[in-house]
């Protein structure tokens, strides 16, 4: 998917992504340019240096992988909205 947030995955966006990803038992990977980071690791996410317009792949593996994928996509599509992150984390 394409990251449409003007700041890409900034430190704030990465923190929200970790918050959302941590609510799931599944392993969640974010991949960019053949580099892969655990979505539950803020340092890993920041090391990907995802900018506006970059294409990323989200890989989920585990018992709640469908829900995890849906939640991560929803957060990214919301431009890393704090309200959306709060809504997702309260659902689980």
N, C-alpha and C. Protein backbone atom coordinates (compact mmCIF):
# COMPACT_ATOMS: atom_id res chain seq x y z
N UNK A 1 0.84 -1.18 0.00
CA UNK A 1 0.00 0.00 0.00
C UNK A 1 0.89 1.24 0.00
N UNK A 2 0.34 2.32 -0.47
CA UNK A 2 1.07 3.59 -0.54
C UNK A 2 0.79 4.40 0.72
N UNK A 3 1.85 4.96 1.30
CA UNK A 3 1.72 5.80 2.49
C UNK A 3 1.41 7.22 2.03
N UNK A 4 0.22 7.70 2.37
CA UNK A 4 -0.24 9.01 1.91
C UNK A 4 -0.07 10.11 2.95
N UNK A 5 0.39 9.77 4.14
CA UNK A 5 0.62 10.78 5.17
C UNK A 5 1.78 11.66 4.73
N UNK A 6 1.63 12.98 4.83
CA UNK A 6 2.65 13.91 4.34
C UNK A 6 4.00 13.73 5.05
N UNK A 7 3.98 13.16 6.24
CA UNK A 7 5.23 12.94 6.98
C UNK A 7 5.70 11.49 6.91
N UNK A 8 5.03 10.68 6.10
CA UNK A 8 5.37 9.26 6.04
C UNK A 8 5.07 8.61 7.38
N UNK A 9 5.92 7.69 7.80
CA UNK A 9 5.78 7.11 9.14
C UNK A 9 6.78 7.85 10.02
N UNK A 10 6.29 8.93 10.62
CA UNK A 10 7.10 9.78 11.51
C UNK A 10 7.20 9.09 12.87
N UNK A 11 7.89 9.71 13.80
CA UNK A 11 8.00 9.12 15.14
C UNK A 11 6.62 9.02 15.80
N UNK A 12 5.77 10.01 15.59
CA UNK A 12 4.41 9.96 16.15
C UNK A 12 3.61 8.84 15.50
N UNK A 13 3.70 8.74 14.17
CA UNK A 13 2.99 7.68 13.46
C UNK A 13 3.49 6.31 13.86
N UNK A 14 4.81 6.19 14.02
CA UNK A 14 5.40 4.91 14.43
C UNK A 14 4.91 4.53 15.83
N UNK A 15 4.84 5.51 16.73
CA UNK A 15 4.37 5.24 18.09
C UNK A 15 2.93 4.74 18.08
N UNK A 16 2.09 5.36 17.25
CA UNK A 16 0.69 4.92 17.15
C UNK A 16 0.60 3.53 16.52
N UNK A 17 1.44 3.27 15.54
CA UNK A 17 1.44 1.96 14.89
C UNK A 17 1.86 0.88 15.88
N UNK A 18 2.87 1.15 16.69
CA UNK A 18 3.30 0.20 17.72
C UNK A 18 2.17 -0.04 18.72
N UNK A 19 1.50 1.03 19.11
CA UNK A 19 0.38 0.93 20.06
C UNK A 19 -0.71 0.01 19.51
N UNK A 20 -1.07 0.20 18.25
CA UNK A 20 -2.11 -0.61 17.62
C UNK A 20 -1.62 -2.05 17.44
N UNK A 21 -0.42 -2.23 16.89
CA UNK A 21 0.11 -3.56 16.62
C UNK A 21 0.24 -4.39 17.89
N UNK A 22 0.57 -3.75 18.98
CA UNK A 22 0.78 -4.45 20.25
C UNK A 22 -0.49 -5.05 20.83
N UNK A 23 -1.62 -4.65 20.31
CA UNK A 23 -2.90 -5.19 20.78
C UNK A 23 -3.22 -6.56 20.18
N UNK A 24 -2.39 -7.02 19.25
CA UNK A 24 -2.66 -8.28 18.56
C UNK A 24 -1.60 -9.31 18.89
N UNK A 25 -2.03 -10.58 18.89
CA UNK A 25 -1.10 -11.68 19.14
C UNK A 25 -0.24 -11.98 17.93
N UNK A 26 -0.74 -11.68 16.75
CA UNK A 26 -0.04 -11.98 15.51
C UNK A 26 1.25 -11.18 15.39
N UNK A 27 2.18 -11.74 14.63
CA UNK A 27 3.37 -11.01 14.23
C UNK A 27 2.97 -10.10 13.07
N UNK A 28 3.38 -8.85 13.13
CA UNK A 28 3.05 -7.89 12.08
C UNK A 28 4.35 -7.28 11.58
N UNK A 29 4.59 -7.44 10.29
CA UNK A 29 5.79 -6.91 9.65
C UNK A 29 5.41 -5.78 8.71
N UNK A 30 6.23 -4.75 8.67
CA UNK A 30 6.12 -3.69 7.67
C UNK A 30 7.37 -3.82 6.80
N UNK A 31 7.17 -3.88 5.50
CA UNK A 31 8.29 -4.08 4.58
C UNK A 31 8.36 -2.93 3.59
N UNK A 32 9.59 -2.44 3.37
CA UNK A 32 9.84 -1.39 2.38
C UNK A 32 11.19 -1.66 1.74
N UNK A 33 11.20 -1.71 0.43
CA UNK A 33 12.46 -1.91 -0.31
C UNK A 33 13.28 -3.09 0.23
N UNK A 34 12.64 -4.21 0.40
CA UNK A 34 13.28 -5.44 0.85
C UNK A 34 13.80 -5.39 2.29
N UNK A 35 13.50 -4.32 3.02
CA UNK A 35 13.82 -4.24 4.45
C UNK A 35 12.52 -4.50 5.21
N UNK A 36 12.63 -5.23 6.29
CA UNK A 36 11.45 -5.61 7.06
C UNK A 36 11.64 -5.22 8.52
N UNK A 37 10.56 -4.69 9.13
CA UNK A 37 10.61 -4.32 10.55
C UNK A 37 9.36 -4.83 11.25
N UNK A 38 9.54 -5.23 12.49
CA UNK A 38 8.43 -5.64 13.33
C UNK A 38 7.61 -4.39 13.67
N UNK A 39 6.32 -4.44 13.42
CA UNK A 39 5.45 -3.28 13.67
C UNK A 39 5.27 -3.00 15.16
N UNK A 40 5.79 -3.88 16.01
CA UNK A 40 5.72 -3.66 17.45
C UNK A 40 7.00 -3.02 17.98
N UNK A 41 7.90 -2.63 17.07
CA UNK A 41 9.18 -2.04 17.45
C UNK A 41 9.31 -0.64 16.84
N UNK A 42 9.28 0.37 17.68
CA UNK A 42 9.37 1.75 17.17
C UNK A 42 10.71 1.98 16.48
N UNK A 43 11.78 1.44 17.03
CA UNK A 43 13.09 1.62 16.40
C UNK A 43 13.14 0.91 15.04
N UNK A 44 12.55 -0.27 14.97
CA UNK A 44 12.51 -0.98 13.70
C UNK A 44 11.74 -0.20 12.65
N UNK A 45 10.59 0.33 13.04
CA UNK A 45 9.78 1.11 12.10
C UNK A 45 10.53 2.36 11.63
N UNK A 46 11.18 3.05 12.56
CA UNK A 46 11.90 4.26 12.20
C UNK A 46 13.08 3.95 11.26
N UNK A 47 13.67 2.76 11.42
CA UNK A 47 14.81 2.39 10.57
C UNK A 47 14.41 2.20 9.11
N UNK A 48 13.12 1.98 8.85
CA UNK A 48 12.66 1.82 7.47
C UNK A 48 12.65 3.15 6.71
N UNK A 49 12.59 4.26 7.45
CA UNK A 49 12.56 5.59 6.85
C UNK A 49 11.48 5.71 5.76
N UNK A 50 10.24 5.43 6.15
CA UNK A 50 9.11 5.49 5.21
C UNK A 50 8.68 6.94 5.04
N UNK A 51 8.69 7.40 3.82
CA UNK A 51 8.31 8.77 3.50
C UNK A 51 6.99 8.81 2.74
N UNK A 52 6.45 10.01 2.59
CA UNK A 52 5.23 10.21 1.82
C UNK A 52 5.38 9.59 0.43
N UNK A 53 4.37 8.83 0.04
CA UNK A 53 4.35 8.23 -1.29
C UNK A 53 5.07 6.90 -1.41
N UNK A 54 5.76 6.48 -0.35
CA UNK A 54 6.45 5.19 -0.40
C UNK A 54 5.45 4.04 -0.40
N UNK A 55 5.82 2.97 -1.07
CA UNK A 55 5.02 1.75 -1.05
C UNK A 55 5.55 0.83 0.04
N UNK A 56 4.64 0.33 0.85
CA UNK A 56 5.01 -0.63 1.89
C UNK A 56 4.14 -1.87 1.74
N UNK A 57 4.61 -2.96 2.30
CA UNK A 57 3.84 -4.19 2.36
C UNK A 57 3.64 -4.52 3.83
N UNK A 58 2.44 -4.92 4.18
CA UNK A 58 2.12 -5.32 5.55
C UNK A 58 1.91 -6.83 5.54
N UNK A 59 2.64 -7.51 6.40
CA UNK A 59 2.55 -8.97 6.49
C UNK A 59 2.12 -9.32 7.91
N UNK A 60 1.07 -10.12 8.02
CA UNK A 60 0.61 -10.54 9.35
C UNK A 60 0.59 -12.06 9.39
N UNK A 61 1.00 -12.61 10.53
CA UNK A 61 1.04 -14.05 10.71
C UNK A 61 0.57 -14.37 12.12
N UNK A 62 -0.50 -15.17 12.23
CA UNK A 62 -0.96 -15.57 13.56
C UNK A 62 -2.45 -15.72 13.64
N UNK A 63 -2.91 -15.99 14.83
CA UNK A 63 -4.31 -16.34 15.03
C UNK A 63 -5.28 -15.19 14.76
N UNK A 64 -4.85 -13.95 14.94
CA UNK A 64 -5.73 -12.80 14.67
C UNK A 64 -5.18 -11.94 13.53
N UNK A 65 -4.54 -12.60 12.56
CA UNK A 65 -3.86 -11.87 11.48
C UNK A 65 -4.79 -11.01 10.64
N UNK A 66 -6.00 -11.46 10.39
CA UNK A 66 -6.95 -10.67 9.58
C UNK A 66 -7.31 -9.38 10.30
N UNK A 67 -7.63 -9.49 11.58
CA UNK A 67 -7.98 -8.31 12.37
C UNK A 67 -6.78 -7.36 12.49
N UNK A 68 -5.59 -7.93 12.67
CA UNK A 68 -4.39 -7.11 12.77
C UNK A 68 -4.14 -6.35 11.48
N UNK A 69 -4.26 -7.03 10.35
CA UNK A 69 -4.05 -6.39 9.05
C UNK A 69 -5.07 -5.26 8.85
N UNK A 70 -6.33 -5.55 9.13
CA UNK A 70 -7.37 -4.53 8.98
C UNK A 70 -7.10 -3.30 9.84
N UNK A 71 -6.64 -3.53 11.08
CA UNK A 71 -6.38 -2.42 12.00
C UNK A 71 -5.21 -1.57 11.53
N UNK A 72 -4.14 -2.20 11.08
CA UNK A 72 -2.97 -1.45 10.62
C UNK A 72 -3.31 -0.65 9.37
N UNK A 73 -4.02 -1.25 8.44
CA UNK A 73 -4.42 -0.55 7.22
C UNK A 73 -5.33 0.64 7.58
N UNK A 74 -6.25 0.42 8.50
CA UNK A 74 -7.16 1.50 8.91
C UNK A 74 -6.38 2.67 9.51
N UNK A 75 -5.39 2.36 10.36
CA UNK A 75 -4.59 3.42 10.97
C UNK A 75 -3.80 4.19 9.91
N UNK A 76 -3.15 3.47 9.01
CA UNK A 76 -2.35 4.13 7.98
C UNK A 76 -3.24 4.98 7.07
N UNK A 77 -4.39 4.44 6.69
CA UNK A 77 -5.30 5.18 5.81
C UNK A 77 -5.90 6.41 6.49
N UNK A 78 -5.88 6.43 7.82
CA UNK A 78 -6.40 7.60 8.57
C UNK A 78 -5.32 8.66 8.74
N UNK A 79 -4.17 8.49 8.10
CA UNK A 79 -3.01 9.38 8.29
C UNK A 79 -2.54 9.38 9.74
N UNK A 80 -2.60 8.20 10.35
CA UNK A 80 -2.13 8.00 11.72
C UNK A 80 -2.90 8.88 12.71
N UNK A 81 -4.22 8.84 12.59
CA UNK A 81 -5.10 9.58 13.48
C UNK A 81 -5.06 8.99 14.90
N UNK A 82 -4.86 9.86 15.88
CA UNK A 82 -4.87 9.41 17.27
C UNK A 82 -6.25 8.88 17.66
N UNK A 83 -7.29 9.48 17.11
CA UNK A 83 -8.65 9.01 17.40
C UNK A 83 -8.87 7.59 16.87
N UNK A 84 -8.39 7.33 15.68
CA UNK A 84 -8.53 5.99 15.10
C UNK A 84 -7.71 4.98 15.91
N UNK A 85 -6.51 5.35 16.31
CA UNK A 85 -5.68 4.46 17.13
C UNK A 85 -6.39 4.14 18.44
N UNK A 86 -6.98 5.15 19.04
CA UNK A 86 -7.71 4.94 20.31
C UNK A 86 -8.90 4.02 20.10
N UNK A 87 -9.62 4.24 19.02
CA UNK A 87 -10.78 3.39 18.70
C UNK A 87 -10.35 1.93 18.52
N UNK A 88 -9.26 1.71 17.79
CA UNK A 88 -8.79 0.34 17.54
C UNK A 88 -8.33 -0.31 18.84
N UNK A 89 -7.58 0.40 19.64
CA UNK A 89 -7.04 -0.21 20.87
C UNK A 89 -8.14 -0.48 21.88
N UNK A 90 -9.21 0.26 21.82
CA UNK A 90 -10.32 0.01 22.74
C UNK A 90 -11.20 -1.14 22.28
N UNK A 91 -11.13 -1.49 20.99
CA UNK A 91 -11.91 -2.61 20.46
C UNK A 91 -11.40 -3.94 20.98
N UNK A 92 -10.10 -4.05 21.16
CA UNK A 92 -9.48 -5.33 21.52
C UNK A 92 -9.63 -5.64 22.99
